Protein backbone atom coordinates (compact mmCIF):
# COMPACT_ATOMS: atom_id res chain seq x y z
CA MET A 1 -3.57 -16.95 -21.42
CA GLU A 2 -6.94 -16.31 -19.78
CA HIS A 3 -6.72 -12.48 -19.89
CA PRO A 4 -4.36 -11.50 -22.73
CA ASP A 5 -5.04 -7.77 -22.27
CA TYR A 6 -4.00 -7.77 -18.58
CA HIS A 7 -0.72 -6.27 -17.37
CA ALA A 8 0.08 -9.67 -15.71
CA ALA A 9 3.61 -8.69 -14.65
CA PRO A 10 5.25 -7.18 -11.56
CA VAL A 11 3.39 -3.99 -10.58
CA PRO A 12 5.71 -1.05 -9.86
CA ALA A 13 5.13 1.59 -7.21
CA PHE A 14 3.05 4.59 -8.24
CA GLY A 15 2.91 8.22 -7.19
CA ASP A 16 5.11 11.07 -6.08
CA GLU A 17 8.82 10.35 -6.57
CA GLN A 18 9.70 12.30 -3.39
CA PRO A 19 6.76 11.45 -1.14
CA HIS A 20 6.00 12.39 2.44
CA LEU A 21 4.03 9.13 2.76
CA LEU A 22 4.61 5.65 1.36
CA ILE A 23 1.53 3.42 1.50
CA VAL A 24 2.42 -0.28 1.47
CA GLY A 25 -0.33 -2.65 0.39
CA LEU A 26 -0.44 -6.41 0.15
CA ALA A 27 -0.20 -7.53 -3.50
CA PRO A 28 -1.81 -6.89 -6.89
CA GLY A 29 -5.44 -8.04 -7.10
CA MET A 30 -6.39 -10.34 -9.98
CA HIS A 31 -8.73 -7.89 -11.70
CA GLY A 32 -7.19 -4.76 -10.18
CA ALA A 33 -3.47 -4.04 -10.33
CA ASN A 34 -2.75 -7.32 -12.16
CA ARG A 35 -5.07 -6.05 -14.90
CA SER A 36 -4.16 -2.37 -14.85
CA GLY A 37 -0.48 -2.34 -13.85
CA ARG A 38 -1.05 0.26 -11.10
CA PRO A 39 -1.47 -0.49 -7.38
CA PHE A 40 -5.10 -0.47 -6.19
CA THR A 41 -6.38 0.48 -9.63
CA GLY A 42 -9.56 -1.25 -10.74
CA ASP A 43 -10.23 -3.19 -7.53
CA PHE A 44 -12.60 -2.71 -4.60
CA ALA A 45 -9.89 -1.69 -2.12
CA GLY A 46 -8.83 1.11 -4.44
CA ILE A 47 -12.26 2.74 -4.28
CA LEU A 48 -11.86 3.65 -0.61
CA LEU A 49 -8.12 4.34 -0.89
CA TYR A 50 -8.27 6.77 -3.80
CA GLN A 51 -11.45 8.50 -2.59
CA THR A 52 -9.86 9.06 0.83
CA LEU A 53 -6.64 10.38 -0.70
CA PHE A 54 -8.74 12.80 -2.76
CA ASP A 55 -10.81 13.87 0.26
CA LEU A 56 -7.55 14.69 2.09
CA GLY A 57 -6.15 16.68 -0.85
CA LEU A 58 -3.50 14.04 -1.54
CA SER A 59 -4.65 13.33 -5.11
CA ASN A 60 -6.19 15.26 -7.97
CA GLN A 61 -9.14 12.91 -8.54
CA PRO A 62 -11.21 10.47 -6.45
CA THR A 63 -10.86 7.40 -8.66
CA SER A 64 -8.23 5.34 -10.42
CA ASP A 65 -9.62 3.48 -13.39
CA SER A 66 -6.55 2.70 -15.48
CA ALA A 67 -2.81 3.22 -15.42
CA ASP A 68 -3.10 5.87 -18.13
CA ASP A 69 -5.78 8.02 -16.51
CA ALA A 70 -4.94 11.52 -15.24
CA LEU A 71 -4.52 10.55 -11.57
CA LYS A 72 -1.68 12.32 -9.76
CA LEU A 73 -0.75 11.77 -6.12
CA ASN A 74 0.47 14.70 -4.04
CA GLY A 75 3.22 13.72 -1.59
CA VAL A 76 2.12 10.07 -1.63
CA ARG A 77 3.55 6.94 -3.21
CA ILE A 78 1.87 3.52 -3.23
CA SER A 79 3.65 0.18 -3.34
CA ASN A 80 2.97 -3.43 -2.39
CA ALA A 81 4.75 -6.01 -0.25
CA VAL A 82 4.41 -8.49 -3.14
CA LYS A 83 4.80 -7.24 -6.71
CA CYS A 84 3.04 -10.04 -8.64
CA LEU A 85 -0.39 -11.62 -8.38
CA PRO A 86 -0.17 -14.32 -5.68
CA PRO A 87 -2.02 -17.65 -5.98
CA GLN A 88 -5.52 -17.46 -4.46
CA ASN A 89 -4.81 -13.78 -3.66
CA LYS A 90 -2.82 -14.91 -0.58
CA PRO A 91 0.94 -14.43 -0.80
CA GLU A 92 3.09 -17.20 0.57
CA THR A 93 5.95 -16.36 2.92
CA SER A 94 8.46 -17.29 0.21
CA GLU A 95 6.92 -14.71 -2.17
CA ILE A 96 6.95 -12.03 0.51
CA LYS A 97 10.62 -12.72 1.27
CA GLN A 98 11.53 -12.88 -2.43
CA CYS A 99 9.92 -9.48 -3.13
CA ASN A 100 11.24 -7.83 0.03
CA SER A 101 14.45 -6.58 -1.56
CA PHE A 102 12.34 -4.40 -3.88
CA LEU A 103 10.53 -2.86 -0.91
CA LYS A 104 13.84 -2.41 0.93
CA HIS A 105 15.24 -0.45 -2.04
CA GLU A 106 12.04 1.60 -2.34
CA ILE A 107 12.25 2.57 1.33
CA ALA A 108 15.97 3.40 1.08
CA ALA A 109 15.22 5.81 -1.80
CA LEU A 110 12.60 7.73 0.20
CA PRO A 111 13.23 11.16 1.69
CA SER A 112 14.38 10.82 5.31
CA ASP A 113 11.19 12.40 6.65
CA CYS A 114 8.86 10.10 4.69
CA LYS A 115 6.33 8.21 6.82
CA LEU A 116 5.08 4.72 6.01
CA LEU A 117 1.54 3.35 6.24
CA ALA A 118 1.18 -0.44 6.21
CA LEU A 119 -2.20 -1.71 5.04
CA GLY A 120 -2.57 -4.97 6.97
CA LYS A 121 -0.29 -7.26 8.92
CA ILE A 122 1.43 -8.73 5.85
CA ALA A 123 2.44 -5.24 4.71
CA HIS A 124 3.48 -4.36 8.28
CA ASP A 125 5.66 -7.47 8.47
CA ALA A 126 7.14 -6.72 5.04
CA VAL A 127 8.23 -3.30 6.29
CA LEU A 128 9.83 -4.91 9.34
CA ARG A 129 11.65 -7.38 7.07
CA ALA A 130 12.88 -4.49 4.92
CA TYR A 131 14.42 -3.02 8.05
CA ASP A 132 15.88 -6.42 9.07
CA LEU A 133 13.76 -6.35 12.24
CA LYS A 134 12.25 -9.38 13.94
CA LEU A 135 8.55 -9.65 13.18
CA SER A 136 7.90 -9.46 16.93
CA ALA A 137 9.77 -6.14 17.24
CA LEU A 138 6.73 -3.95 16.51
CA LYS A 139 3.22 -5.29 16.99
CA PHE A 140 0.63 -4.69 14.26
CA ALA A 141 -2.58 -3.01 15.38
CA HIS A 142 -4.97 -0.72 13.55
CA ALA A 143 -4.00 2.93 14.17
CA ALA A 144 -0.69 1.93 15.81
CA LYS A 145 2.29 4.24 15.38
CA HIS A 146 5.86 2.93 15.54
CA ARG A 147 9.32 4.49 15.38
CA LEU A 148 11.62 2.74 12.91
CA PRO A 149 15.41 2.41 13.38
CA ASP A 150 16.15 5.21 10.87
CA GLY A 151 13.79 7.62 12.64
CA ARG A 152 10.92 7.23 10.21
CA THR A 153 7.41 6.58 11.49
CA LEU A 154 5.36 3.51 10.57
CA PHE A 155 1.58 3.67 10.91
CA ASP A 156 -0.66 0.60 10.69
CA SER A 157 -4.15 0.24 9.27
CA TYR A 158 -6.37 -2.66 8.52
CA HIS A 159 -6.28 -3.29 4.78
CA CYS A 160 -9.06 -1.54 2.85
CA SER A 161 -10.20 -4.87 1.36
CA ARG A 162 -13.79 -5.68 0.51
CA TYR A 163 -13.87 -8.19 3.38
CA ASN A 164 -12.68 -5.68 5.99
CA GLN A 165 -15.11 -3.05 4.74
CA ASN A 166 -18.09 -5.42 4.50
CA THR A 167 -17.52 -6.78 8.02
CA ARG A 168 -16.99 -3.18 9.27
CA ARG A 169 -13.61 -4.14 10.69
CA LEU A 170 -12.53 -1.04 8.77
CA THR A 171 -14.95 1.81 8.20
CA GLY A 172 -14.49 4.80 5.95
CA ALA A 173 -14.15 7.02 9.03
CA MET A 174 -11.46 4.77 10.53
CA PHE A 175 -9.52 4.76 7.27
CA TYR A 176 -9.85 8.52 6.83
CA SER A 177 -8.55 9.05 10.37
CA ILE A 178 -5.41 6.94 9.96
CA LEU A 179 -4.66 8.37 6.51
CA GLU A 180 -5.12 11.87 7.87
CA ARG A 181 -2.71 11.16 10.76
CA SER A 182 -0.09 9.51 8.57
CA GLY A 183 -0.46 11.89 5.61
CA LYS A 184 0.02 15.12 7.53
CA LEU A 185 3.10 16.98 6.41
């Protein structure tokens, strides 16, 4: 085993058990959630995510360094479309479909007024699959807002990945804006 001290197992959702917002990411990063066992903890995407949650008053601290730190989320829960580290950090359709029942159960357990925020098209499509919708039913676009069959609202954002931030496809201001819209109670 290359990294014997890594979590290296399915990464469970993290945060408030009765959230007003469920954030759905892509999959555990090799040296992030795969290492730490907590979504977006220890990877580049988590820097912007957790800082923005803190800036909006949705967490008690601006960073997430390990699964046993003191981080608490307020009204927010974070999950992923895929629960295990995918090969080459790109989940295959079969993995997404195989993990979808977990996301479906997570969504079913949410309060009825809980909103969802999909980080990227893969997460967006995973939410649609969890609702048994055709992938063409709701089009992914940054800052899009959709009504789901159960009355919940789905918001879309570009993923807060290093690539999207470095190319300025997603800026801190853009991410703050969509999290502010989706995270309002």
